Amino acid sequence: MMNRTYIVSAYYRFSRLPMPDFLTGAEQRKLRVYQACKAEQIERIADRLKFDWEEINHPAGIPWGEWKVYIKLIQKWLIPTKLVKFQKLKLQGTLNDGSRINAEIRYDDECGNGHNTFAITADIPEQGMFGCCHDEFAEAFPEYAHLLKWHLCSADGPLHYIANTMYHARQNLPTHGWLYEREGKLAGGLKMSQRCIAYTEIWKAEEAIALNPQRDLFLKIDDRTEKVADLEAARRSAIAPDATAEQLCDPEWLLGRLVTLLGEFRCDIESLGFTF
């Protein structure tokens, strides 16, 4: 169980890390002061944060509200940002087939959700296409293609960084099914009726069958509840093309690389002339 001591020690461990290279001297001094002022607040927050790391792999048991608070604190300690309302780069180009493409790269808070978000969109009038069109964007603007991995990444990190990554990386056998009971067997024949008692978790249905041997109960498994890992989707969510399945399922590994990831993100954003 994660407790107050663990979170407070994690704070002090992060606060003693060397300052990221992409911060200026003034930013480093400002961040150290910010960290020192946060120490007392972190201890107060830590008293209210209690969750089990093992629950992360069980969707129904994830206390996401508490988990997100902790992640956001880590992000704010180490990556200072400036909210910008409108910040765009408009591009015009031509595809290999001669079609015109209009593209927009933005990193701002145009949506008004409290943090800057990066997005690349495009429209191709001749083909009636609009939206992401990322393959076409890479074809027309190869010099910006390396930025596509940051699509929908914000100053807080990739979109639903921990939740999306671990969901795609998780794999499990079917978890639910229908519990039926056979009844009304006809004399001299094989025909019988059956009724569905409940749609429930498999272990609960198996327990009900074991506890009621006098009833003709049986289970029909719902194959739709089987989850197959999609590691490529998980790697895209985490922006970690070389990550292993074990790393993608490890919240500590994901959180530990977040500072470096946001540092790379900041460098790419500032290379466009944008304010991070």
Protein backbone atom coordinates (compact mmCIF):
# COMPACT_ATOMS: atom_id res chain seq x y z
CA MET A 1 0.00 0.00 0.00
CA MET A 2 1.35 3.42 -0.91
CA ASN A 3 1.38 5.55 2.19
CA ARG A 4 2.35 9.00 3.36
CA THR A 5 5.99 8.06 3.99
CA TYR A 6 6.41 6.68 0.46
CA ILE A 7 5.01 9.80 -1.21
CA VAL A 8 6.97 12.24 0.93
CA SER A 9 10.20 10.32 0.31
CA ALA A 10 9.42 10.25 -3.41
CA TYR A 11 9.04 14.02 -3.35
CA TYR A 12 12.39 14.55 -1.70
CA ARG A 13 14.02 12.08 -4.08
CA PHE A 14 12.69 13.99 -7.09
CA SER A 15 13.55 17.36 -5.56
CA ARG A 16 17.20 16.34 -5.16
CA LEU A 17 17.62 15.24 -8.77
CA PRO A 18 19.98 17.37 -10.90
CA MET A 19 18.16 20.12 -12.72
CA PRO A 20 17.27 19.23 -16.34
CA ASP A 21 19.78 20.63 -18.86
CA PHE A 22 17.09 22.46 -20.81
CA LEU A 23 16.38 24.83 -17.88
CA THR A 24 18.23 28.14 -17.69
CA GLY A 25 20.04 29.16 -14.51
CA ALA A 26 17.21 31.48 -13.53
CA GLU A 27 14.65 28.74 -14.13
CA GLN A 28 16.65 26.30 -12.02
CA ARG A 29 16.85 28.74 -9.09
CA LYS A 30 13.13 29.48 -9.39
CA LEU A 31 12.31 25.78 -9.44
CA ARG A 32 14.43 25.06 -6.34
CA VAL A 33 12.56 27.77 -4.44
CA TYR A 34 9.26 26.38 -5.70
CA GLN A 35 10.23 22.89 -4.55
CA ALA A 36 11.19 24.13 -1.10
CA CYS A 37 7.89 25.99 -0.72
CA LYS A 38 6.00 22.87 -1.81
CA ALA A 39 7.50 20.56 0.83
CA GLU A 40 4.95 21.36 3.53
CA GLN A 41 2.05 21.19 1.06
CA ILE A 42 3.25 17.80 -0.23
CA GLU A 43 3.21 16.37 3.29
CA ARG A 44 -0.38 17.55 3.76
CA ILE A 45 -1.48 16.08 0.43
CA ALA A 46 0.33 12.83 1.15
CA ASP A 47 -1.88 12.24 4.17
CA ARG A 48 -4.85 11.92 1.81
CA LEU A 49 -3.19 9.79 -0.89
CA LYS A 50 -3.48 6.09 -0.22
CA PHE A 51 -3.62 3.50 -2.99
CA ASP A 52 -2.16 0.16 -3.85
CA TRP A 53 0.29 -0.12 -6.78
CA GLU A 54 -1.16 -3.56 -7.54
CA GLU A 55 -4.58 -2.00 -8.15
CA ILE A 56 -3.22 -0.24 -11.22
CA ASN A 57 -3.70 -3.46 -13.24
CA HIS A 58 -7.33 -3.79 -12.14
CA PRO A 59 -9.49 -1.20 -13.97
CA ALA A 60 -12.32 -1.33 -11.46
CA GLY A 61 -9.98 -0.62 -8.55
CA ILE A 62 -7.92 2.29 -9.88
CA PRO A 63 -8.38 5.43 -7.76
CA TRP A 64 -7.57 7.66 -10.71
CA GLY A 65 -8.39 10.88 -8.89
CA GLU A 66 -5.64 10.28 -6.35
CA TRP A 67 -3.24 8.86 -8.93
CA LYS A 68 -3.61 11.90 -11.21
CA VAL A 69 -2.98 14.31 -8.34
CA TYR A 70 0.35 12.62 -7.63
CA ILE A 71 1.40 12.64 -11.27
CA LYS A 72 0.47 16.29 -11.74
CA LEU A 73 2.55 17.24 -8.69
CA ILE A 74 5.60 15.52 -10.15
CA GLN A 75 5.06 17.30 -13.47
CA LYS A 76 4.66 20.74 -11.90
CA TRP A 77 7.77 20.36 -9.74
CA LEU A 78 10.06 19.68 -12.66
CA ILE A 79 8.62 21.22 -15.85
CA PRO A 80 7.59 24.88 -15.50
CA THR A 81 5.36 26.07 -18.35
CA LYS A 82 3.65 29.25 -19.52
CA LEU A 83 0.01 29.17 -20.59
CA VAL A 84 -0.47 30.54 -24.12
CA LYS A 85 -3.87 31.24 -25.65
CA PHE A 86 -3.05 31.14 -29.39
CA GLN A 87 0.17 29.79 -30.88
CA LYS A 88 0.04 28.31 -34.40
CA LEU A 89 2.16 27.56 -37.44
CA LYS A 90 0.26 27.30 -40.74
CA LEU A 91 1.72 25.34 -43.67
CA GLN A 92 0.75 24.82 -47.30
CA GLY A 93 2.12 22.06 -49.49
CA THR A 94 1.48 19.53 -52.23
CA LEU A 95 1.11 15.75 -52.08
CA ASN A 96 2.75 13.36 -54.53
CA ASP A 97 -0.49 13.13 -56.51
CA GLY A 98 -0.65 16.91 -56.88
CA SER A 99 -3.36 17.51 -54.28
CA ARG A 100 -3.04 20.65 -52.16
CA ILE A 101 -2.72 20.21 -48.40
CA ASN A 102 -3.16 22.88 -45.73
CA ALA A 103 -1.75 22.04 -42.32
CA GLU A 104 -1.69 23.62 -38.90
CA ILE A 105 0.70 22.96 -36.02
CA ARG A 106 -0.38 24.41 -32.71
CA TYR A 107 0.73 24.40 -29.10
CA ASP A 108 -1.59 26.48 -26.97
CA ASP A 109 -4.61 26.52 -24.68
CA GLU A 110 -7.15 27.33 -27.40
CA CYS A 111 -9.51 24.75 -25.86
CA GLY A 112 -9.41 26.55 -22.51
CA ASN A 113 -8.68 23.44 -20.44
CA GLY A 114 -5.88 24.96 -18.38
CA HIS A 115 -2.79 23.62 -20.17
CA ASN A 116 -1.06 23.97 -23.51
CA THR A 117 -1.69 21.09 -25.91
CA PHE A 118 0.19 20.17 -29.08
CA ALA A 119 -1.73 19.13 -32.19
CA ILE A 120 -1.11 18.66 -35.91
CA THR A 121 -4.13 18.79 -38.23
CA ALA A 122 -4.57 19.17 -41.96
CA ASP A 123 -7.17 19.38 -44.71
CA ILE A 124 -6.98 18.23 -48.34
CA PRO A 125 -9.77 20.02 -50.24
CA GLU A 126 -9.56 17.97 -53.46
CA GLN A 127 -10.01 14.71 -51.55
CA GLY A 128 -12.51 15.99 -48.99
CA MET A 129 -10.19 14.96 -46.16
CA PHE A 130 -9.63 16.87 -42.94
CA GLY A 131 -8.49 16.19 -39.38
CA CYS A 132 -5.28 14.39 -38.44
CA CYS A 133 -4.28 13.18 -41.96
CA HIS A 134 -0.89 12.34 -40.48
CA ASP A 135 0.35 10.09 -43.29
CA GLU A 136 -0.39 12.81 -45.81
CA PHE A 137 1.19 15.44 -43.53
CA ALA A 138 4.42 13.41 -43.33
CA GLU A 139 4.43 13.05 -47.11
CA ALA A 140 4.03 16.78 -47.74
CA PHE A 141 6.14 18.09 -44.85
CA PRO A 142 8.88 15.53 -44.05
CA GLU A 143 10.86 18.16 -42.14
CA TYR A 144 8.07 18.23 -39.53
CA ALA A 145 7.24 14.51 -39.52
CA HIS A 146 9.25 13.89 -36.32
CA LEU A 147 6.74 16.06 -34.45
CA LEU A 148 3.79 13.74 -35.15
CA LYS A 149 4.61 11.60 -32.11
CA TRP A 150 3.69 14.58 -29.88
CA HIS A 151 0.15 14.89 -31.26
CA LEU A 152 -2.24 15.63 -28.33
CA CYS A 153 0.66 15.77 -25.88
CA SER A 154 0.26 18.62 -23.40
CA ALA A 155 2.50 20.38 -20.92
CA ASP A 156 1.37 17.68 -18.46
CA GLY A 157 2.54 14.83 -20.69
CA PRO A 158 0.99 12.48 -23.28
CA LEU A 159 -2.81 12.25 -23.27
CA HIS A 160 -3.88 10.14 -20.25
CA TYR A 161 -0.29 8.95 -20.12
CA ILE A 162 -0.45 6.23 -17.45
CA ALA A 163 -4.05 5.11 -18.04
CA ASN A 164 -3.85 4.75 -21.83
CA THR A 165 -0.43 3.11 -21.86
CA MET A 166 -1.27 0.49 -19.25
CA TYR A 167 -4.68 -0.22 -20.77
CA HIS A 168 -3.17 -1.02 -24.18
CA ALA A 169 -0.34 -3.04 -22.63
CA ARG A 170 -2.58 -5.12 -20.37
CA GLN A 171 -3.62 -8.63 -21.38
CA ASN A 172 -6.12 -10.90 -19.67
CA LEU A 173 -8.38 -13.89 -20.29
CA PRO A 174 -12.17 -13.39 -20.39
CA THR A 175 -13.41 -11.92 -17.12
CA HIS A 176 -17.24 -12.09 -17.39
CA GLY A 177 -19.97 -14.42 -18.53
CA TRP A 178 -23.65 -15.32 -18.29
CA LEU A 179 -24.85 -17.65 -15.54
CA TYR A 180 -27.72 -19.86 -16.75
CA GLU A 181 -29.98 -22.43 -15.10
CA ARG A 182 -31.61 -25.33 -16.94
CA GLU A 183 -35.15 -26.04 -15.88
CA GLY A 184 -38.44 -27.53 -17.09
CA LYS A 185 -37.06 -30.79 -18.49
CA LEU A 186 -39.84 -32.57 -20.40
CA ALA A 187 -40.77 -36.17 -19.55
CA GLY A 188 -39.62 -38.60 -22.23
CA GLY A 189 -37.74 -35.96 -24.19
CA LEU A 190 -34.51 -33.99 -24.23
CA LYS A 191 -36.05 -30.58 -24.69
CA MET A 192 -35.63 -28.21 -21.77
CA SER A 193 -35.72 -24.49 -21.12
CA GLN A 194 -33.01 -22.31 -19.66
CA ARG A 195 -33.00 -18.89 -18.12
CA CYS A 196 -30.24 -16.35 -17.60
CA ILE A 197 -29.76 -15.61 -13.93
CA ALA A 198 -27.02 -12.99 -14.14
CA TYR A 199 -24.21 -11.50 -16.15
CA THR A 200 -21.31 -11.53 -13.74
CA GLU A 201 -17.60 -12.08 -13.22
CA ILE A 202 -16.45 -15.61 -13.99
CA TRP A 203 -15.15 -16.33 -10.51
CA LYS A 204 -18.49 -15.33 -8.98
CA ALA A 205 -20.38 -17.59 -11.39
CA GLU A 206 -18.07 -20.53 -10.67
CA GLU A 207 -18.53 -19.96 -6.96
CA ALA A 208 -22.34 -19.93 -7.36
CA ILE A 209 -22.21 -23.21 -9.32
CA ALA A 210 -20.06 -24.85 -6.63
CA LEU A 211 -22.33 -23.67 -3.79
CA ASN A 212 -25.54 -24.84 -5.50
CA PRO A 213 -24.91 -28.44 -6.68
CA GLN A 214 -28.63 -29.24 -6.49
CA ARG A 215 -29.37 -26.73 -9.25
CA ASP A 216 -28.47 -27.28 -12.91
CA LEU A 217 -26.33 -24.16 -13.36
CA PHE A 218 -23.85 -23.54 -16.14
CA LEU A 219 -21.68 -20.69 -17.37
CA LYS A 220 -21.43 -19.19 -20.83
CA ILE A 221 -18.24 -17.13 -21.11
CA ASP A 222 -18.32 -13.71 -22.78
CA ASP A 223 -15.32 -13.81 -25.12
CA ARG A 224 -15.63 -10.07 -25.66
CA THR A 225 -14.15 -9.47 -22.20
CA GLU A 226 -10.84 -11.02 -23.21
CA LYS A 227 -8.15 -8.35 -23.51
CA VAL A 228 -5.26 -8.85 -25.92
CA ALA A 229 -2.26 -6.60 -25.41
CA ASP A 230 -1.64 -4.04 -28.15
CA LEU A 231 1.99 -3.13 -27.51
CA GLU A 232 2.29 -0.85 -30.53
CA ALA A 233 -0.64 1.24 -29.30
CA ALA A 234 0.88 1.27 -25.79
CA ARG A 235 4.22 2.46 -27.17
CA ARG A 236 2.48 5.22 -29.10
CA SER A 237 0.57 6.30 -25.99
CA ALA A 238 3.77 6.45 -23.96
CA ILE A 239 5.90 7.81 -26.86
CA ALA A 240 8.30 4.98 -26.10
CA PRO A 241 8.95 3.05 -29.35
CA ASP A 242 11.47 0.65 -27.79
CA ALA A 243 9.72 -0.07 -24.48
CA THR A 244 9.15 -3.67 -23.41
CA ALA A 245 5.81 -5.11 -22.31
CA GLU A 246 7.03 -5.17 -18.70
CA GLN A 247 8.03 -1.51 -18.79
CA LEU A 248 4.72 -0.46 -20.31
CA CYS A 249 2.88 -2.15 -17.42
CA ASP A 250 5.10 -0.57 -14.76
CA PRO A 251 3.73 2.76 -13.44
CA GLU A 252 7.00 3.54 -11.66
CA TRP A 253 8.99 3.16 -14.89
CA LEU A 254 6.48 5.31 -16.78
CA LEU A 255 6.54 8.02 -14.14
CA GLY A 256 10.33 7.90 -13.83
CA ARG A 257 10.86 8.72 -17.53
CA LEU A 258 8.27 11.50 -17.65
CA VAL A 259 10.71 14.32 -16.84
CA THR A 260 13.10 13.31 -19.64
CA LEU A 261 10.16 12.90 -22.05
CA LEU A 262 8.81 16.36 -21.28
CA GLY A 263 12.31 17.76 -21.68
CA GLU A 264 12.48 16.37 -25.23
CA PHE A 265 8.99 17.71 -25.86
CA ARG A 266 10.01 21.16 -24.71
CA CYS A 267 13.05 21.20 -27.00
CA ASP A 268 10.89 20.30 -30.02
CA ILE A 269 8.28 22.91 -29.12
CA GLU A 270 10.86 25.67 -28.75
CA SER A 271 12.53 24.65 -32.02
CA LEU A 272 9.32 25.84 -33.72
CA GLY A 273 9.70 29.25 -32.10
CA PHE A 274 6.82 28.51 -29.72
CA THR A 275 6.70 29.36 -26.02
CA PHE A 276 6.60 26.21 -23.92
